[in-house]
Amino acid sequence: MKNRDMAIGLLLVGSASAALAQTTDTRPPSFGAAPRAPSGPPARSIGIRAAVDVSYDSNAFGLSDALIRQGRLAGRSKDDISITPSLQLDITQPFGRQAAYLRGTIGYDFYLQNSQLQRERIQLDGGVNLQVGHGCSGGVNAAYGRFKSNSGDVFVLGDEPLIRDINTQETLVFGGRAQCGGAIGITPAIGYQHSQIRNDSRFFKLNDSNSDSFDGSIGYSRPSLGRISLYGTYTTAKYLNRTVIGLPGPIPGIPTDGVESYSAGVRFERQIGTRVQGSIAGGYSWVNPKNIFSNKFRGSSYSASLNIRPFDAMSLDLLASREAETTNAVFASYSITEIYALNGTYRLNRKMSANFGSSYQSRDYRGRFATVDGAATLGEDKFVRAYVGLAYDLNRRLRLNGLVSQQRRKADNPLFNYNNTTVSLGASFALSR
C-alpha cells in the first residue's frame, strides 16, 4: 500500500464519526456509496451542478405524537413541502504532487406552510493533500455546516419556544494530519482536530461547545499486509454557556461544564485487491466529565469504514462506530453513541443508478442536570432510517432524481418518540464540463 493510500485511510477513520453524525438529519444522503479516492497521481476534476429538490416531510417539526396531541403545534401544519435550490460542488485541483479539493452543497430550504422552518442547508469540506519528499504525506482540511435542528431535539418546554424559536446549528471543524515512512517499515503519524458547535436559539445555546483532539500512532507497513498501528488520542471539550452545576451562563468562580477523554487501541488499514478497502480500529476509552452530576465512563470504543465492490456495477459503504462525544441534543455532559450504517449504489445501466441505505444510531446520554426536570429530558434514544432512490441522466448535463426515506426515533421518554416519511423529487444541471 502506498503512503498516500494509507494517509487517506487514516483520514477516513478520523472523520468517520463526523460523517455519521448527520444520521438523524430529516433527509438522508441523496447518493449511495461515496466514490473511492483515486490511487494514482492527483488529477484535475471540476464538478459543479445547479440543483432543485422538492421534498414532502410528514413531520416537518420533528415532534412526537404525544406533543402534537398536547397542542404544541399551535395550529400549524404537521406536514409540509419544501423547495431547495442548491449548488453542488466536487472540485479537485492538483499542484504538482499536491492537490486541493472542495466538495459539498450550498442550498436553502423554502417551506410552503411553515415559513419559520426556512433555513440554509450548507455542508462544505475542503483541504489540501500533501506529499513531502519521498516518505511523508499528510493534509489539512476544514469542514463547515449550517442547517436547521429538529424542534424536539433539545428538551420539552412550552408551545412557544418549541415551535417559534427554531434552532439553526452551525458547525466548524478543521485540522491536519501527517505520516512518514516508506512502503515497508515503521510509519509514525500525528493529527490534530478542532471542532465547534454554535446554536442561535437561546435554549440550544446551552449546548454550544468547543473541542480539541490530538492523536498519534506508530505503525508497521508492508505492501502485502497493509498497516497495523497502535494509537492514542486525547480530547478536551468545553460547553461555553453552562457551568459544572448545570446553571446557564458563566458565573464567577464556577468552572464551565466540559469533558476530558482519552483512548488507546489498535488500528488496521488495508486495500485488498480492487474489491475491498478500508480501516478498522478498536480500543478503550476513559471519559472524565466536569459536571458534578455526571459519572465517569470506562469502556470500549471502535470504528470501521469499509468500501466493498462485489462487482463493477455495485459499490457499498459499511460504517460502524462507538465513542463518547459531546452532544447538541439534550442537557447532558456527553453521550455514548453507537452508529451502524450501510450506503450503496447500483448502476442499472449507462443512464440510471439506484441509491439505497439504512442506518441505526443509539445514544446513551450521561450526566443529566439535577436543575432540569427529568420528565422533560431524554436519557437515551435510538434512531433508525431506511431509504431508496433513483438517479437518471437524461443527457450529459441534465439529471433527474427521486428518493423515499423513512425515519423513526424511539426514546426512553415518549415525548421524544418521532416518525417521519420524506419523499423528494429533483433535477440538477451540470455547469462544468
Protein backbone atom coordinates (compact mmCIF):
# COMPACT_ATOMS: atom_id res chain seq x y z
CA MET A 1 0.00 0.00 0.00
CA LYS A 2 1.36 3.41 -0.89
CA ASN A 3 1.85 6.14 1.69
CA ARG A 4 -0.85 8.22 0.04
CA ASP A 5 -3.40 5.41 0.32
CA MET A 6 -2.54 4.87 3.98
CA ALA A 7 -2.97 8.58 4.72
CA ILE A 8 -6.38 8.52 3.05
CA GLY A 9 -7.33 5.53 5.20
CA LEU A 10 -6.29 7.38 8.35
CA LEU A 11 -8.35 10.38 7.35
CA LEU A 12 -11.35 8.13 6.76
CA VAL A 13 -11.08 6.66 10.24
CA GLY A 14 -10.59 10.08 11.78
CA SER A 15 -13.63 11.52 10.01
CA ALA A 16 -15.98 8.55 10.38
CA SER A 17 -17.79 9.97 13.39
CA ALA A 18 -18.19 13.39 11.79
CA ALA A 19 -19.71 11.87 8.66
CA LEU A 20 -22.05 9.70 10.64
CA ALA A 21 -23.14 12.49 12.95
CA GLN A 22 -25.74 13.59 10.41
CA THR A 23 -27.59 10.27 10.67
CA THR A 24 -30.56 11.97 12.35
CA ASP A 25 -30.99 14.69 9.74
CA THR A 26 -34.54 14.76 8.38
CA ARG A 27 -33.21 13.97 4.90
CA PRO A 28 -30.89 11.09 4.05
CA PRO A 29 -27.95 11.46 1.67
CA SER A 30 -29.02 11.83 -1.96
CA PHE A 31 -26.25 9.47 -3.02
CA GLY A 32 -25.31 5.93 -2.03
CA ALA A 33 -21.74 4.78 -1.64
CA ALA A 34 -19.11 7.51 -1.86
CA PRO A 35 -16.63 7.28 -4.75
CA ARG A 36 -13.20 5.94 -3.95
CA ALA A 37 -10.23 8.26 -3.75
CA PRO A 38 -8.06 7.83 -6.85
CA SER A 39 -4.96 5.70 -6.28
CA GLY A 40 -2.80 7.41 -8.90
CA PRO A 41 -1.37 10.94 -9.10
CA PRO A 42 -3.89 13.71 -8.36
CA ALA A 43 -5.95 14.63 -11.43
CA ARG A 44 -7.86 17.85 -12.11
CA SER A 45 -11.61 17.45 -11.76
CA ILE A 46 -14.30 20.14 -11.67
CA GLY A 47 -17.85 19.10 -10.91
CA ILE A 48 -20.41 21.88 -10.35
CA ARG A 49 -24.15 21.23 -10.52
CA ALA A 50 -27.13 23.52 -10.02
CA ALA A 51 -29.99 21.58 -8.44
CA VAL A 52 -33.58 22.00 -7.27
CA ASP A 53 -35.29 19.46 -4.98
CA VAL A 54 -38.94 19.37 -3.91
CA SER A 55 -39.49 17.39 -0.70
CA TYR A 56 -42.52 16.31 1.31
CA ASP A 57 -41.99 15.79 5.07
CA SER A 58 -44.77 14.10 7.02
CA ASN A 59 -43.41 15.55 10.30
CA ALA A 60 -41.72 18.81 9.39
CA PHE A 61 -41.11 19.97 13.01
CA GLY A 62 -39.80 16.62 14.22
CA LEU A 63 -42.29 16.36 17.12
CA SER A 64 -43.74 13.28 18.79
CA ASP A 65 -47.42 12.38 18.55
CA ALA A 66 -47.67 12.96 22.32
CA LEU A 67 -46.52 16.58 21.95
CA ILE A 68 -48.80 17.13 18.96
CA ARG A 69 -51.79 15.86 20.96
CA GLN A 70 -50.87 18.37 23.67
CA GLY A 71 -51.31 21.13 21.10
CA ARG A 72 -47.63 22.01 20.73
CA LEU A 73 -48.06 22.67 17.01
CA ALA A 74 -50.24 25.65 17.99
CA GLY A 75 -52.43 25.31 14.89
CA ARG A 76 -49.53 24.92 12.46
CA SER A 77 -49.32 22.20 9.82
CA LYS A 78 -47.57 18.99 10.90
CA ASP A 79 -46.53 18.08 7.35
CA ASP A 80 -45.09 20.42 4.76
CA ILE A 81 -43.48 20.71 1.34
CA SER A 82 -40.10 22.37 0.90
CA ILE A 83 -38.28 23.61 -2.19
CA THR A 84 -34.47 23.57 -2.00
CA PRO A 85 -32.33 25.22 -4.70
CA SER A 86 -28.67 24.31 -4.23
CA LEU A 87 -25.21 24.32 -5.73
CA GLN A 88 -23.31 21.02 -5.57
CA LEU A 89 -19.51 21.10 -5.69
CA ASP A 90 -16.89 18.41 -6.26
CA ILE A 91 -13.60 20.05 -7.26
CA THR A 92 -10.01 18.76 -7.21
CA GLN A 93 -7.09 20.90 -8.38
CA PRO A 94 -3.57 19.39 -8.41
CA PHE A 95 -0.43 21.47 -7.89
CA GLY A 96 2.40 19.19 -8.85
CA ARG A 97 2.32 16.33 -6.33
CA GLN A 98 -0.09 18.25 -4.07
CA ALA A 99 -3.84 18.60 -4.54
CA ALA A 100 -6.51 20.97 -3.19
CA TYR A 101 -10.16 19.93 -3.03
CA LEU A 102 -13.58 21.37 -2.23
CA ARG A 103 -16.81 19.40 -2.12
CA GLY A 104 -20.26 19.78 -0.63
CA THR A 105 -23.56 21.60 -1.06
CA ILE A 106 -24.80 25.16 -0.59
CA GLY A 107 -28.59 25.46 -0.52
CA TYR A 108 -31.65 26.97 1.13
CA ASP A 109 -34.92 25.35 2.27
CA PHE A 110 -38.14 27.23 1.45
CA TYR A 111 -41.29 25.83 3.17
CA LEU A 112 -44.78 26.37 1.77
CA GLN A 113 -46.75 26.15 5.06
CA ASN A 114 -44.30 26.92 7.89
CA SER A 115 -42.06 29.82 6.90
CA GLN A 116 -40.26 29.77 10.29
CA LEU A 117 -38.61 26.50 9.20
CA GLN A 118 -36.80 28.19 6.31
CA ARG A 119 -33.04 27.90 6.76
CA GLU A 120 -29.73 27.50 4.96
CA ARG A 121 -28.62 23.96 4.17
CA ILE A 122 -24.84 24.15 3.87
CA GLN A 123 -22.23 21.40 4.13
CA LEU A 124 -18.75 22.09 2.75
CA ASP A 125 -15.48 20.18 3.09
CA GLY A 126 -12.18 21.40 1.71
CA GLY A 127 -8.48 21.00 2.17
CA VAL A 128 -5.09 20.18 0.72
CA ASN A 129 -3.46 16.75 0.40
CA LEU A 130 0.32 16.97 0.66
CA GLN A 131 3.30 14.86 -0.41
CA VAL A 132 6.60 15.88 1.20
CA GLY A 133 9.78 14.22 -0.02
CA HIS A 134 9.69 10.52 -0.76
CA GLY A 135 8.41 9.21 2.56
CA CYS A 136 5.95 11.67 4.11
CA SER A 137 2.36 12.60 3.35
CA GLY A 138 -0.46 14.40 5.07
CA GLY A 139 -3.01 17.11 4.69
CA VAL A 140 -5.01 19.93 6.20
CA ASN A 141 -8.77 20.17 5.97
CA ALA A 142 -11.76 22.19 7.14
CA ALA A 143 -15.50 21.47 7.14
CA TYR A 144 -18.38 23.89 7.67
CA GLY A 145 -22.07 23.15 8.16
CA ARG A 146 -25.18 25.22 8.80
CA PHE A 147 -28.67 23.69 8.99
CA LYS A 148 -31.96 23.53 10.92
CA SER A 149 -32.30 21.37 14.04
CA ASN A 150 -35.40 19.32 14.82
CA SER A 151 -37.71 21.16 17.23
CA GLY A 152 -37.95 18.24 19.65
CA ASP A 153 -34.23 17.59 19.96
CA VAL A 154 -33.39 19.76 22.97
CA PHE A 155 -35.97 19.27 25.71
CA VAL A 156 -39.68 19.85 26.29
CA LEU A 157 -40.53 23.37 27.46
CA GLY A 158 -43.65 25.09 26.20
CA ASP A 159 -45.53 25.67 22.99
CA GLU A 160 -43.86 28.93 22.12
CA PRO A 161 -40.13 28.11 22.32
CA LEU A 162 -40.54 24.71 20.69
CA ILE A 163 -42.31 25.97 17.59
CA ARG A 164 -41.34 29.62 17.33
CA ASP A 165 -37.62 29.50 18.15
CA ILE A 166 -36.48 27.03 15.51
CA ASN A 167 -32.79 26.44 16.04
CA THR A 168 -30.05 26.85 13.45
CA GLN A 169 -26.97 24.79 14.18
CA GLU A 170 -23.57 25.82 12.86
CA THR A 171 -20.54 23.52 12.90
CA LEU A 172 -16.89 24.15 12.10
CA VAL A 173 -14.15 21.51 12.05
CA PHE A 174 -10.53 21.95 10.98
CA GLY A 175 -7.28 20.12 11.49
CA GLY A 176 -4.34 18.35 9.95
CA ARG A 177 -2.54 15.05 9.78
CA ALA A 178 0.95 13.89 8.84
CA GLN A 179 2.52 10.46 8.33
CA CYS A 180 6.04 9.38 7.45
CA GLY A 181 7.68 6.13 6.49
CA GLY A 182 8.29 4.00 3.44
CA ALA A 183 6.19 1.26 1.88
CA ILE A 184 7.90 -1.17 4.26
CA GLY A 185 8.81 -0.45 7.86
CA ILE A 186 7.87 1.82 10.74
CA THR A 187 5.31 4.58 9.99
CA PRO A 188 4.63 7.20 12.70
CA ALA A 189 1.65 9.56 12.33
CA ILE A 190 0.21 12.53 14.21
CA GLY A 191 -3.01 14.53 13.91
CA TYR A 192 -4.98 17.43 15.38
CA GLN A 193 -8.63 18.46 15.06
CA HIS A 194 -10.60 21.41 16.42
CA SER A 195 -14.39 21.42 16.29
CA GLN A 196 -17.07 23.81 17.48
CA ILE A 197 -20.86 23.87 17.59
CA ARG A 198 -22.92 27.05 17.72
CA ASN A 199 -26.70 27.47 18.00
CA ASP A 200 -28.84 30.57 17.52
CA SER A 201 -31.80 29.52 19.72
CA ARG A 202 -31.41 30.67 23.32
CA PHE A 203 -32.31 27.19 24.56
CA PHE A 204 -29.86 25.35 22.35
CA LYS A 205 -27.11 27.87 23.16
CA LEU A 206 -26.59 26.00 26.43
CA ASN A 207 -25.06 23.26 24.26
CA ASP A 208 -22.56 25.48 22.38
CA SER A 209 -19.18 23.75 22.61
CA ASN A 210 -15.54 23.77 21.57
CA SER A 211 -13.34 20.68 21.45
CA ASP A 212 -9.73 19.91 20.60
CA SER A 213 -8.41 16.46 19.82
CA PHE A 214 -4.81 15.25 19.49
CA ASP A 215 -3.81 11.81 18.28
CA GLY A 216 -0.67 9.88 17.46
CA SER A 217 0.17 6.41 16.25
CA ILE A 218 3.13 4.20 15.50
CA GLY A 219 2.63 1.51 12.91
CA TYR A 220 4.26 -1.08 10.71
CA SER A 221 3.59 -1.33 6.98
CA ARG A 222 4.08 -3.97 4.32
CA PRO A 223 2.51 -3.94 0.83
CA SER A 224 1.13 -7.47 1.30
CA LEU A 225 -0.13 -6.76 4.83
CA GLY A 226 -1.24 -3.14 4.95
CA ARG A 227 -0.60 -1.06 8.05
CA ILE A 228 -1.19 -2.07 11.66
CA SER A 229 -0.63 0.54 14.34
CA LEU A 230 -1.03 1.41 17.99
CA TYR A 231 -2.83 4.72 18.51
CA GLY A 232 -3.67 7.10 21.32
CA THR A 233 -5.95 10.16 21.45
CA TYR A 234 -6.64 12.95 23.89
CA THR A 235 -9.71 15.19 23.64
CA THR A 236 -10.83 18.13 25.74
CA ALA A 237 -14.23 19.75 25.23
CA LYS A 238 -15.93 22.72 26.86
CA TYR A 239 -19.57 23.89 26.92
CA LEU A 240 -19.36 27.65 26.67
CA ASN A 241 -22.68 28.67 28.21
CA ARG A 242 -23.25 26.44 31.22
CA THR A 243 -21.48 25.57 34.47
CA VAL A 244 -20.47 22.33 36.14
CA ILE A 245 -23.55 22.57 38.38
CA GLY A 246 -25.97 22.91 35.46
CA LEU A 247 -26.67 26.63 35.67
CA PRO A 248 -26.76 28.65 32.45
CA GLY A 249 -24.21 31.31 31.60
CA PRO A 250 -20.73 31.99 33.02
CA ILE A 251 -20.67 32.51 36.80
CA PRO A 252 -17.56 33.93 38.53
CA GLY A 253 -15.78 31.27 40.50
CA ILE A 254 -17.69 28.33 38.96
CA PRO A 255 -15.99 26.44 36.09
CA THR A 256 -17.78 25.80 32.83
CA ASP A 257 -19.00 22.32 32.03
CA GLY A 258 -16.92 20.07 29.81
CA VAL A 259 -15.44 16.66 29.17
CA GLU A 260 -11.91 15.27 29.05
CA SER A 261 -11.30 11.92 27.41
CA TYR A 262 -8.51 9.53 26.47
CA SER A 263 -8.49 6.48 24.23
CA ALA A 264 -5.94 3.93 23.06
CA GLY A 265 -6.10 0.93 20.81
CA VAL A 266 -5.11 -0.85 17.61
CA ARG A 267 -5.88 0.23 14.03
CA PHE A 268 -5.62 -1.85 10.87
CA GLU A 269 -5.76 -0.48 7.32
CA ARG A 270 -5.56 -2.41 4.09
CA GLN A 271 -6.58 -2.33 0.46
CA ILE A 272 -7.34 -5.86 -0.69
CA GLY A 273 -7.13 -6.01 -4.47
CA THR A 274 -9.69 -3.79 -6.17
CA ARG A 275 -12.78 -5.04 -4.30
CA VAL A 276 -12.27 -4.17 -0.62
CA GLN A 277 -10.53 -1.32 1.12
CA GLY A 278 -10.87 0.43 4.44
CA SER A 279 -9.86 0.69 8.06
CA ILE A 280 -10.82 -0.89 11.37
CA ALA A 281 -9.88 0.38 14.83
CA GLY A 282 -10.68 -0.89 18.31
CA GLY A 283 -9.64 0.30 21.74
CA TYR A 284 -10.59 1.52 25.19
CA SER A 285 -11.80 4.96 26.31
CA TRP A 286 -11.67 6.92 29.55
CA VAL A 287 -14.12 9.84 29.87
CA ASN A 288 -13.95 12.33 32.75
CA PRO A 289 -16.83 14.84 32.76
CA LYS A 290 -16.53 18.07 34.72
CA ASN A 291 -20.23 18.20 35.59
CA ILE A 292 -20.66 17.23 39.24
CA PHE A 293 -23.82 15.22 38.48
CA SER A 294 -22.21 13.13 35.75
CA ASN A 295 -20.37 9.82 36.20
CA LYS A 296 -17.12 8.82 34.55
CA PHE A 297 -17.13 6.35 31.70
CA ARG A 298 -14.74 3.46 31.12
CA GLY A 299 -15.42 1.20 28.17
CA SER A 300 -14.66 0.02 24.67
CA SER A 301 -14.58 2.20 21.55
CA TYR A 302 -14.24 1.27 17.90
CA SER A 303 -14.65 2.49 14.34
CA ALA A 304 -14.78 0.82 10.95
CA SER A 305 -15.03 2.21 7.43
CA LEU A 306 -15.09 -0.27 4.54
CA ASN A 307 -15.79 0.18 0.84
CA ILE A 308 -16.76 -3.05 -0.91
CA ARG A 309 -17.29 -3.59 -4.65
CA PRO A 310 -18.83 -7.07 -5.03
CA PHE A 311 -18.95 -6.45 -8.79
CA ASP A 312 -18.31 -3.49 -11.09
CA ALA A 313 -21.87 -2.13 -11.05
CA MET A 314 -22.24 -2.03 -7.25
CA SER A 315 -20.44 -0.14 -4.50
CA LEU A 316 -21.17 -0.47 -0.78
CA ASP A 317 -20.01 1.59 2.21
CA LEU A 318 -20.13 -0.18 5.59
CA LEU A 319 -19.64 2.06 8.62
CA ALA A 320 -19.64 1.38 12.35
CA SER A 321 -18.51 3.29 15.42
CA ARG A 322 -18.84 3.51 19.20
CA GLU A 323 -17.47 6.51 21.05
CA ALA A 324 -18.09 9.08 23.75
CA GLU A 325 -18.87 12.51 22.31
CA THR A 326 -20.24 15.92 23.20
CA THR A 327 -23.91 16.28 22.37
CA ASN A 328 -26.08 19.05 20.98
CA ALA A 329 -29.32 17.23 21.69
CA VAL A 330 -30.13 17.46 25.40
CA PHE A 331 -28.84 18.70 28.75
CA ALA A 332 -26.08 16.13 29.19
CA SER A 333 -22.33 16.19 29.61
CA TYR A 334 -21.74 13.64 26.87
CA SER A 335 -23.28 10.66 25.13
CA ILE A 336 -22.10 7.14 24.35
CA THR A 337 -23.02 6.90 20.69
CA GLU A 338 -23.14 3.76 18.55
CA ILE A 339 -23.73 4.01 14.80
CA TYR A 340 -24.05 1.35 12.12
CA ALA A 341 -24.74 2.29 8.53
CA LEU A 342 -24.86 0.88 5.02
CA ASN A 343 -24.95 3.06 1.91
CA GLY A 344 -24.97 1.58 -1.57
CA THR A 345 -25.05 2.46 -5.26
CA TYR A 346 -26.07 0.08 -8.03
CA ARG A 347 -25.72 1.14 -11.67
CA LEU A 348 -28.67 -0.32 -13.56
CA ASN A 349 -27.41 0.82 -16.94
CA ARG A 350 -25.40 3.60 -18.53
CA LYS A 351 -28.00 6.25 -17.64
CA MET A 352 -29.69 5.04 -14.45
CA SER A 353 -28.41 4.18 -10.97
CA ALA A 354 -30.15 3.19 -7.73
CA ASN A 355 -29.16 4.54 -4.33
CA PHE A 356 -30.11 2.79 -1.10
CA GLY A 357 -29.12 2.63 2.51
CA SER A 358 -30.03 2.11 6.13
CA SER A 359 -28.62 3.27 9.45
CA TYR A 360 -29.03 2.70 13.18
CA GLN A 361 -27.90 5.17 15.85
CA SER A 362 -28.10 4.64 19.61
CA ARG A 363 -27.26 7.41 22.10
CA ASP A 364 -26.93 6.98 25.85
CA TYR A 365 -26.86 10.45 27.44
CA ARG A 366 -24.75 10.80 30.59
CA GLY A 367 -24.99 13.42 33.33
CA ARG A 368 -28.45 14.96 33.05
CA PHE A 369 -28.57 18.05 35.24
CA ALA A 370 -30.42 17.99 38.56
CA THR A 371 -31.62 21.53 37.76
CA VAL A 372 -33.68 20.26 34.81
CA ASP A 373 -36.90 18.28 35.26
CA GLY A 374 -36.16 14.67 34.33
CA ALA A 375 -39.66 14.26 32.89
CA ALA A 376 -38.79 16.89 30.28
CA THR A 377 -35.42 15.48 29.18
CA LEU A 378 -34.04 12.47 27.37
CA GLY A 379 -31.93 9.62 28.78
CA GLU A 380 -31.41 7.50 25.67
CA ASP A 381 -32.76 7.19 22.15
CA LYS A 382 -32.47 5.03 19.07
CA PHE A 383 -32.81 6.35 15.53
CA VAL A 384 -33.44 4.09 12.52
CA ARG A 385 -33.54 5.12 8.87
CA ALA A 386 -34.01 3.35 5.54
CA TYR A 387 -34.05 4.98 2.10
CA VAL A 388 -34.04 4.15 -1.60
CA GLY A 389 -33.69 6.42 -4.62
CA LEU A 390 -33.08 6.59 -8.35
CA ALA A 391 -30.98 8.92 -10.49
CA TYR A 392 -31.43 9.15 -14.26
CA ASP A 393 -29.14 11.03 -16.65
CA LEU A 394 -31.28 12.43 -19.46
CA ASN A 395 -28.13 13.62 -21.20
CA ARG A 396 -24.57 14.63 -20.39
CA ARG A 397 -25.70 17.58 -18.26
CA LEU A 398 -29.27 17.04 -17.04
CA ARG A 399 -30.08 14.55 -14.25
CA LEU A 400 -33.38 13.64 -12.60
CA ASN A 401 -33.56 12.08 -9.15
CA GLY A 402 -36.10 10.76 -6.67
CA LEU A 403 -35.86 9.41 -3.14
CA VAL A 404 -38.10 7.94 -0.42
CA SER A 405 -36.97 7.75 3.21
CA GLN A 406 -38.46 6.55 6.49
CA GLN A 407 -37.05 7.70 9.86
CA ARG A 408 -38.04 6.56 13.35
CA ARG A 409 -36.78 7.58 16.77
CA LYS A 410 -37.59 5.56 19.88
CA ALA A 411 -36.70 7.14 23.23
CA ASP A 412 -36.99 6.28 26.92
CA ASN A 413 -39.19 9.38 27.21
CA PRO A 414 -42.26 9.00 24.93
CA LEU A 415 -42.35 12.78 24.43
CA PHE A 416 -39.30 12.33 22.18
CA ASN A 417 -40.58 9.46 20.01
CA TYR A 418 -40.53 10.57 16.39
CA ASN A 419 -41.63 9.24 12.98
CA ASN A 420 -41.21 10.88 9.63
CA THR A 421 -41.53 9.97 5.96
CA THR A 422 -39.67 12.03 3.35
CA VAL A 423 -40.34 11.93 -0.41
CA SER A 424 -38.11 14.01 -2.71
CA LEU A 425 -38.03 14.72 -6.43
CA GLY A 426 -35.37 16.83 -8.06
CA ALA A 427 -33.32 17.81 -11.06
CA SER A 428 -29.77 19.03 -11.47
CA PHE A 429 -27.81 20.58 -14.32
CA ALA A 430 -24.05 20.27 -14.74
CA LEU A 431 -22.45 23.71 -15.06
CA SER A 432 -18.97 22.31 -15.65
CA ARG A 433 -17.71 20.16 -18.49
